[in-house]
Each structure stands twice: as C-alpha cells, then as structure tokens.
Protein backbone atom coordinates (compact mmCIF):
# COMPACT_ATOMS: atom_id res chain seq x y z
CA UNK A 1 -10.84 19.10 -34.31
CA UNK A 2 -8.22 20.55 -31.93
CA UNK A 3 -6.40 18.88 -29.06
CA UNK A 4 -9.04 19.96 -26.51
CA UNK A 5 -11.71 18.18 -28.54
CA UNK A 6 -9.56 15.05 -28.62
CA UNK A 7 -8.99 15.14 -24.86
CA UNK A 8 -12.71 15.64 -24.26
CA UNK A 9 -13.43 12.59 -26.41
CA UNK A 10 -11.09 10.56 -24.21
CA UNK A 11 -12.46 11.98 -20.95
CA UNK A 12 -15.87 13.70 -21.36
CA UNK A 13 -15.71 15.00 -17.78
CA UNK A 14 -12.93 17.46 -18.65
CA UNK A 15 -13.75 20.78 -17.00
CA UNK A 16 -14.36 19.29 -13.56
CA UNK A 17 -12.34 16.87 -11.47
CA UNK A 18 -13.24 13.39 -12.74
CA UNK A 19 -13.46 10.42 -10.41
CA UNK A 20 -10.50 8.81 -12.23
CA UNK A 21 -8.26 11.75 -11.31
CA UNK A 22 -9.34 11.59 -7.67
CA UNK A 23 -8.74 7.84 -7.58
CA UNK A 24 -5.31 8.31 -9.14
CA UNK A 25 -4.39 10.81 -6.42
CA UNK A 26 -5.64 8.44 -3.70
CA UNK A 27 -3.78 5.51 -5.26
CA UNK A 28 -0.56 7.53 -5.48
CA UNK A 29 -0.77 8.50 -1.80
CA UNK A 30 -1.47 4.89 -0.82
CA UNK A 31 1.54 3.75 -2.86
CA UNK A 32 3.90 6.31 -1.31
CA UNK A 33 2.67 5.53 2.21
CA UNK A 34 2.96 1.75 1.78
CA UNK A 35 6.49 2.00 0.42
CA UNK A 36 7.54 4.34 3.25
CA UNK A 37 5.97 2.63 6.25
CA UNK A 38 7.96 -0.24 7.82
CA UNK A 39 4.78 -2.19 8.62
CA UNK A 40 1.72 -3.14 6.60
CA UNK A 41 -0.92 -0.40 6.48
CA UNK A 42 -4.65 -1.08 6.44
CA UNK A 43 -6.16 -2.15 3.13
CA UNK A 44 -8.26 0.77 1.79
CA UNK A 45 -11.94 0.28 2.59
CA UNK A 46 -13.37 3.02 0.35
CA UNK A 47 -13.56 0.82 -2.77
CA UNK A 48 -10.78 2.67 -4.58
CA UNK A 49 -9.13 -0.55 -5.79
CA UNK A 50 -12.40 -1.93 -7.10
CA UNK A 51 -12.95 1.28 -9.05
CA UNK A 52 -9.36 1.32 -10.32
CA UNK A 53 -9.57 -2.32 -11.46
CA UNK A 54 -12.84 -1.63 -13.27
CA UNK A 55 -11.24 1.42 -14.87
CA UNK A 56 -8.25 -0.64 -16.05
CA UNK A 57 -10.51 -3.33 -17.54
CA UNK A 58 -12.61 -0.72 -19.33
CA UNK A 59 -9.52 1.02 -20.71
CA UNK A 60 -8.04 -2.27 -21.95
CA UNK A 61 -11.29 -3.01 -23.78
CA UNK A 62 -11.27 0.48 -25.29
CA UNK A 63 -7.65 0.08 -26.45
CA UNK A 64 -8.52 -3.24 -28.08
CA UNK A 65 -11.49 -1.66 -29.88
CA UNK A 66 -9.41 1.30 -31.09
CA UNK A 67 -6.34 -0.70 -32.14
CA UNK A 68 -5.98 -0.86 -35.89
CA UNK A 69 -7.88 2.37 -36.58
CA UNK A 70 -5.70 4.43 -38.90
CA UNK A 71 -7.48 7.72 -38.24
CA UNK A 72 -4.83 10.17 -36.86
CA UNK A 73 -7.27 11.59 -34.31
CA UNK A 74 -8.12 8.15 -33.00
CA UNK A 75 -4.44 7.22 -32.87
CA UNK A 76 -3.67 10.24 -30.71
CA UNK A 77 -6.54 9.39 -28.38
CA UNK A 78 -5.23 5.84 -28.21
CA UNK A 79 -1.81 7.11 -27.07
CA UNK A 80 -3.46 9.17 -24.30
CA UNK A 81 -5.49 6.18 -23.12
CA UNK A 82 -2.50 3.82 -23.18
CA UNK A 83 -0.37 6.30 -21.23
CA UNK A 84 -3.05 6.67 -18.56
CA UNK A 85 -3.54 2.89 -18.48
CA UNK A 86 0.17 2.20 -17.93
CA UNK A 87 0.28 4.77 -15.14
CA UNK A 88 -2.57 3.07 -13.29
CA UNK A 89 -1.09 -0.41 -13.87
CA UNK A 90 2.33 0.65 -12.56
CA UNK A 91 0.90 2.08 -9.35
CA UNK A 92 -1.29 -0.96 -8.72
CA UNK A 93 1.55 -3.43 -9.34
CA UNK A 94 4.06 -1.50 -7.22
CA UNK A 95 1.59 -1.04 -4.37
CA UNK A 96 0.67 -4.72 -4.27
CA UNK A 97 4.32 -5.81 -4.50
CA UNK A 98 5.19 -3.60 -1.52
CA UNK A 99 2.40 -5.20 0.52
CA UNK A 100 3.28 -8.75 -0.52
CA UNK A 101 6.94 -8.17 0.39
CA UNK A 102 5.87 -7.15 3.92
CA UNK A 103 3.55 -10.13 4.24
CA UNK A 104 6.31 -12.50 3.11
CA UNK A 105 8.78 -10.98 5.57
CA UNK A 106 6.49 -11.04 8.64
CA UNK A 107 3.74 -13.50 7.78
CA UNK A 108 3.25 -14.94 11.26
CA UNK A 109 3.19 -11.46 12.78
CA UNK A 110 0.25 -10.36 10.60
CA UNK A 111 -1.62 -13.59 11.37
CA UNK A 112 -1.04 -13.36 15.12
CA UNK A 113 -4.02 -11.14 16.03
CA UNK A 114 -7.41 -10.09 14.68
CA UNK A 115 -6.33 -6.43 14.59
CA UNK A 116 -3.37 -7.20 12.35
CA UNK A 117 -5.37 -9.60 10.16
CA UNK A 118 -7.94 -6.83 9.58
CA UNK A 119 -5.29 -4.83 7.72
CA UNK A 120 -5.17 -7.46 4.98
CA UNK A 121 -7.52 -7.77 2.02
CA UNK A 122 -9.37 -11.13 1.84
CA UNK A 123 -7.06 -12.33 -0.94
CA UNK A 124 -3.99 -11.22 1.06
CA UNK A 125 -5.24 -13.05 4.14
CA UNK A 126 -5.73 -16.23 2.11
CA UNK A 127 -2.26 -15.83 0.61
CA UNK A 128 -0.62 -15.24 4.01
CA UNK A 129 -2.39 -18.25 5.56
CA UNK A 130 -1.35 -20.55 2.72
CA UNK A 131 2.18 -19.10 2.69
CA UNK A 132 2.64 -19.77 6.41
CA UNK A 133 1.23 -23.30 6.14
CA UNK A 134 3.64 -24.16 3.34
CA UNK A 135 6.56 -22.64 5.22
CA UNK A 136 5.74 -24.54 8.42
CA UNK A 137 5.38 -27.82 6.53
CA UNK A 138 8.72 -27.21 4.86
CA UNK A 139 10.42 -26.56 8.20
CA UNK A 140 8.82 -29.66 9.69
CA UNK A 141 10.06 -31.90 6.90
CA UNK A 142 13.51 -30.27 6.92
CA UNK A 143 14.47 -30.11 10.59
CA UNK A 144 11.65 -29.32 13.03
CA UNK A 145 10.43 -32.93 13.18
CA UNK A 146 13.73 -33.81 14.87
CA UNK A 147 12.94 -31.42 17.76
CA UNK A 148 10.76 -32.25 20.76
CA UNK A 149 7.06 -31.38 20.14
CA UNK A 150 7.16 -28.42 22.52
CA UNK A 151 9.92 -26.83 20.42
CA UNK A 152 8.24 -27.18 17.04
CA UNK A 153 6.01 -24.10 17.27
CA UNK A 154 7.13 -21.10 15.23
CA UNK A 155 5.21 -18.71 17.49
CA UNK A 156 6.73 -19.84 20.78
CA UNK A 157 7.02 -17.20 23.52
CA UNK A 158 8.74 -19.26 26.20
CA UNK A 159 11.05 -17.34 28.52
CA UNK A 160 9.38 -14.05 27.62
CA UNK A 161 11.04 -14.02 24.17
CA UNK A 162 8.78 -14.19 21.13
CA UNK A 163 9.93 -16.08 18.07
CA UNK A 164 7.60 -14.02 15.88
CA UNK A 165 9.64 -11.56 13.83
CA UNK A 166 7.91 -8.16 13.80
CA UNK A 167 8.56 -4.96 11.78
CA UNK A 168 10.98 -2.43 13.27
CA UNK A 169 8.80 0.38 14.59
CA UNK A 170 11.88 2.51 15.28
CA UNK A 171 12.44 2.97 11.53
CA UNK A 172 12.73 6.65 10.58
CA UNK A 173 10.07 8.05 8.25
CA UNK A 174 9.32 11.43 6.67
CA UNK A 175 5.85 12.85 7.29
CA UNK A 176 4.11 15.95 5.97
CA UNK A 177 1.74 17.61 8.41
CA UNK A 178 -1.83 18.04 7.19
CA UNK A 179 -2.87 20.16 10.16
CA UNK A 180 -1.35 22.31 12.88
CA UNK A 181 -0.47 20.09 15.81
CA UNK A 182 1.90 19.66 18.71
CA UNK A 183 4.01 16.66 17.77
CA UNK A 184 5.73 14.42 20.30
CA UNK A 185 8.48 12.00 19.36
CA UNK A 186 10.69 9.48 21.14
CA UNK A 187 14.41 10.04 20.77
CA UNK A 188 17.53 8.03 21.56
CA UNK A 189 18.64 10.30 24.40
CA UNK A 190 15.37 12.00 25.31
CA UNK A 191 11.85 12.56 24.04
CA UNK A 192 10.98 15.81 22.33
CA UNK A 193 7.93 17.78 21.22
CA UNK A 194 7.36 20.76 18.93
CA UNK A 195 4.57 22.79 17.42
CA UNK A 196 4.28 21.73 13.77
CA UNK A 197 2.35 23.72 11.19
CA UNK A 198 0.41 22.40 8.23
CA UNK A 199 2.82 21.60 5.40
CA UNK A 200 5.86 21.02 7.64
CA UNK A 201 7.91 17.92 6.81
CA UNK A 202 9.32 16.07 9.82
CA UNK A 203 11.54 13.03 10.24
CA UNK A 204 10.66 10.81 13.19
CA UNK A 205 10.31 7.23 14.32
CA UNK A 206 7.40 5.37 12.75
CA UNK A 207 6.11 4.43 16.21
CA UNK A 208 5.69 8.14 16.99
CA UNK A 209 4.21 9.03 13.59
CA UNK A 210 1.82 6.09 13.15
CA UNK A 211 -1.16 7.52 15.05
CA UNK A 212 -0.95 10.84 13.19
CA UNK A 213 -0.85 9.05 9.83
CA UNK A 214 -3.74 6.70 10.60
CA UNK A 215 -5.86 9.58 11.92
CA UNK A 216 -5.22 11.71 8.82
CA UNK A 217 -3.25 14.40 10.62
CA UNK A 218 -0.11 13.69 8.58
CA UNK A 219 0.91 11.73 5.48
CA UNK A 220 4.03 9.79 4.62
CA UNK A 221 6.30 11.22 1.92
C-alpha cells in the first residue's frame, strides 16, 4: 500500500473536490472576514457550521476508534485525520472568539434593531441578551440606582447623543476585488473613485467597502 492508497482510505472522495475541502475554504474565508471587519458580519445561513460540527464529531469518533492500533498504515492515517481535525477546530474556535469579542464590546448595539439581531446565530442572540441583562443589573446595583429613573437607561438618546457604543465604520480594511467594478470611497479630504479589476487589492474605509463585501463583489483579506 502506497501513500495514495492511505490518503484514499482517509478520504475516499480523493480525485474530486470533496465537500470537506469546500467547507474548509468557506470557513477560512469567513474567519478572515470576521477578523478583518470592525463590525459583526452576518452568521452564515448555508449550513456550513452544522456540516463542520458534524465533521468534527465524526472525526473525533474515528480517532477514538483508531487510537491504540499499532498498524503503521493505520497510525499514518490517524496522523492525517488528527491534523485535519485540529485545523478545523482552530478555525471554528478563532472564528467564534472573534464574534464573541465583538458582541461583548458592542452588545447593546447589536440588540438595538431587528436588522442587527438577524446577524447573530440563535445561541449568540441568547448570549448577548443574557450578557446585557447581567451587565445592566450590575450597573444598577453599583451606581445607577443612585441616579434619577430617567437617567438609568443605557440606551438613552437625549440631546441627540446616543449612549450606545457602535463599531467604528471608518476603520481601514483591505479588500480583494472579485469582479471588475468602479469603486467609490470616502476620504478625509475628498471622495474618490477608480476602476478596479478582478484580483486588485484595495485599502478603504469599511463603510465604503461593506456593500461590496456583502454583495460578493469583493472579499476581505
């Protein structure tokens, strides 16, 4: 048995592009985008995380079944599976940590409207709601209860000034163009536009790049 036979035993779909490889590419792009964007991006609705979680569970079960087998061929296959498993686990953990960090930083912002709440997964929405309730109760017991009732709201907008801390949409991001397009961006001194070709990498404000990224015309790098 040569190495190709061993790899085929680990992944029988070798020869085409397996679903696991496609999901890994999607997960990697989601991870890069979430770490680069200053605000929370929409939770993927294509079921990629459900498939990845099922894949991780299946691989863990396979590793447990193969552990202890002294056959050299099986041991090599076990190393391949464990390496793939750790790669998936790292991406999932890092992606979720990036999202949780944004939710912790701007919890009230993401709970302030139905559009923003729709970006969260059901478990993230439950976490954010509970997190904000605990934080508000802590503030009340610490100092807010000494204020007049009209000053105890954390989402007050009196005087035209909102107390809700929001992400900085002026943060600079790098984007790679996925199509030819005329790109417009807001600058400090003046706005600018240019004809960008597919594959070009641009640096611009997130507010100017957001629509292109969400519409699939560009990706964060």
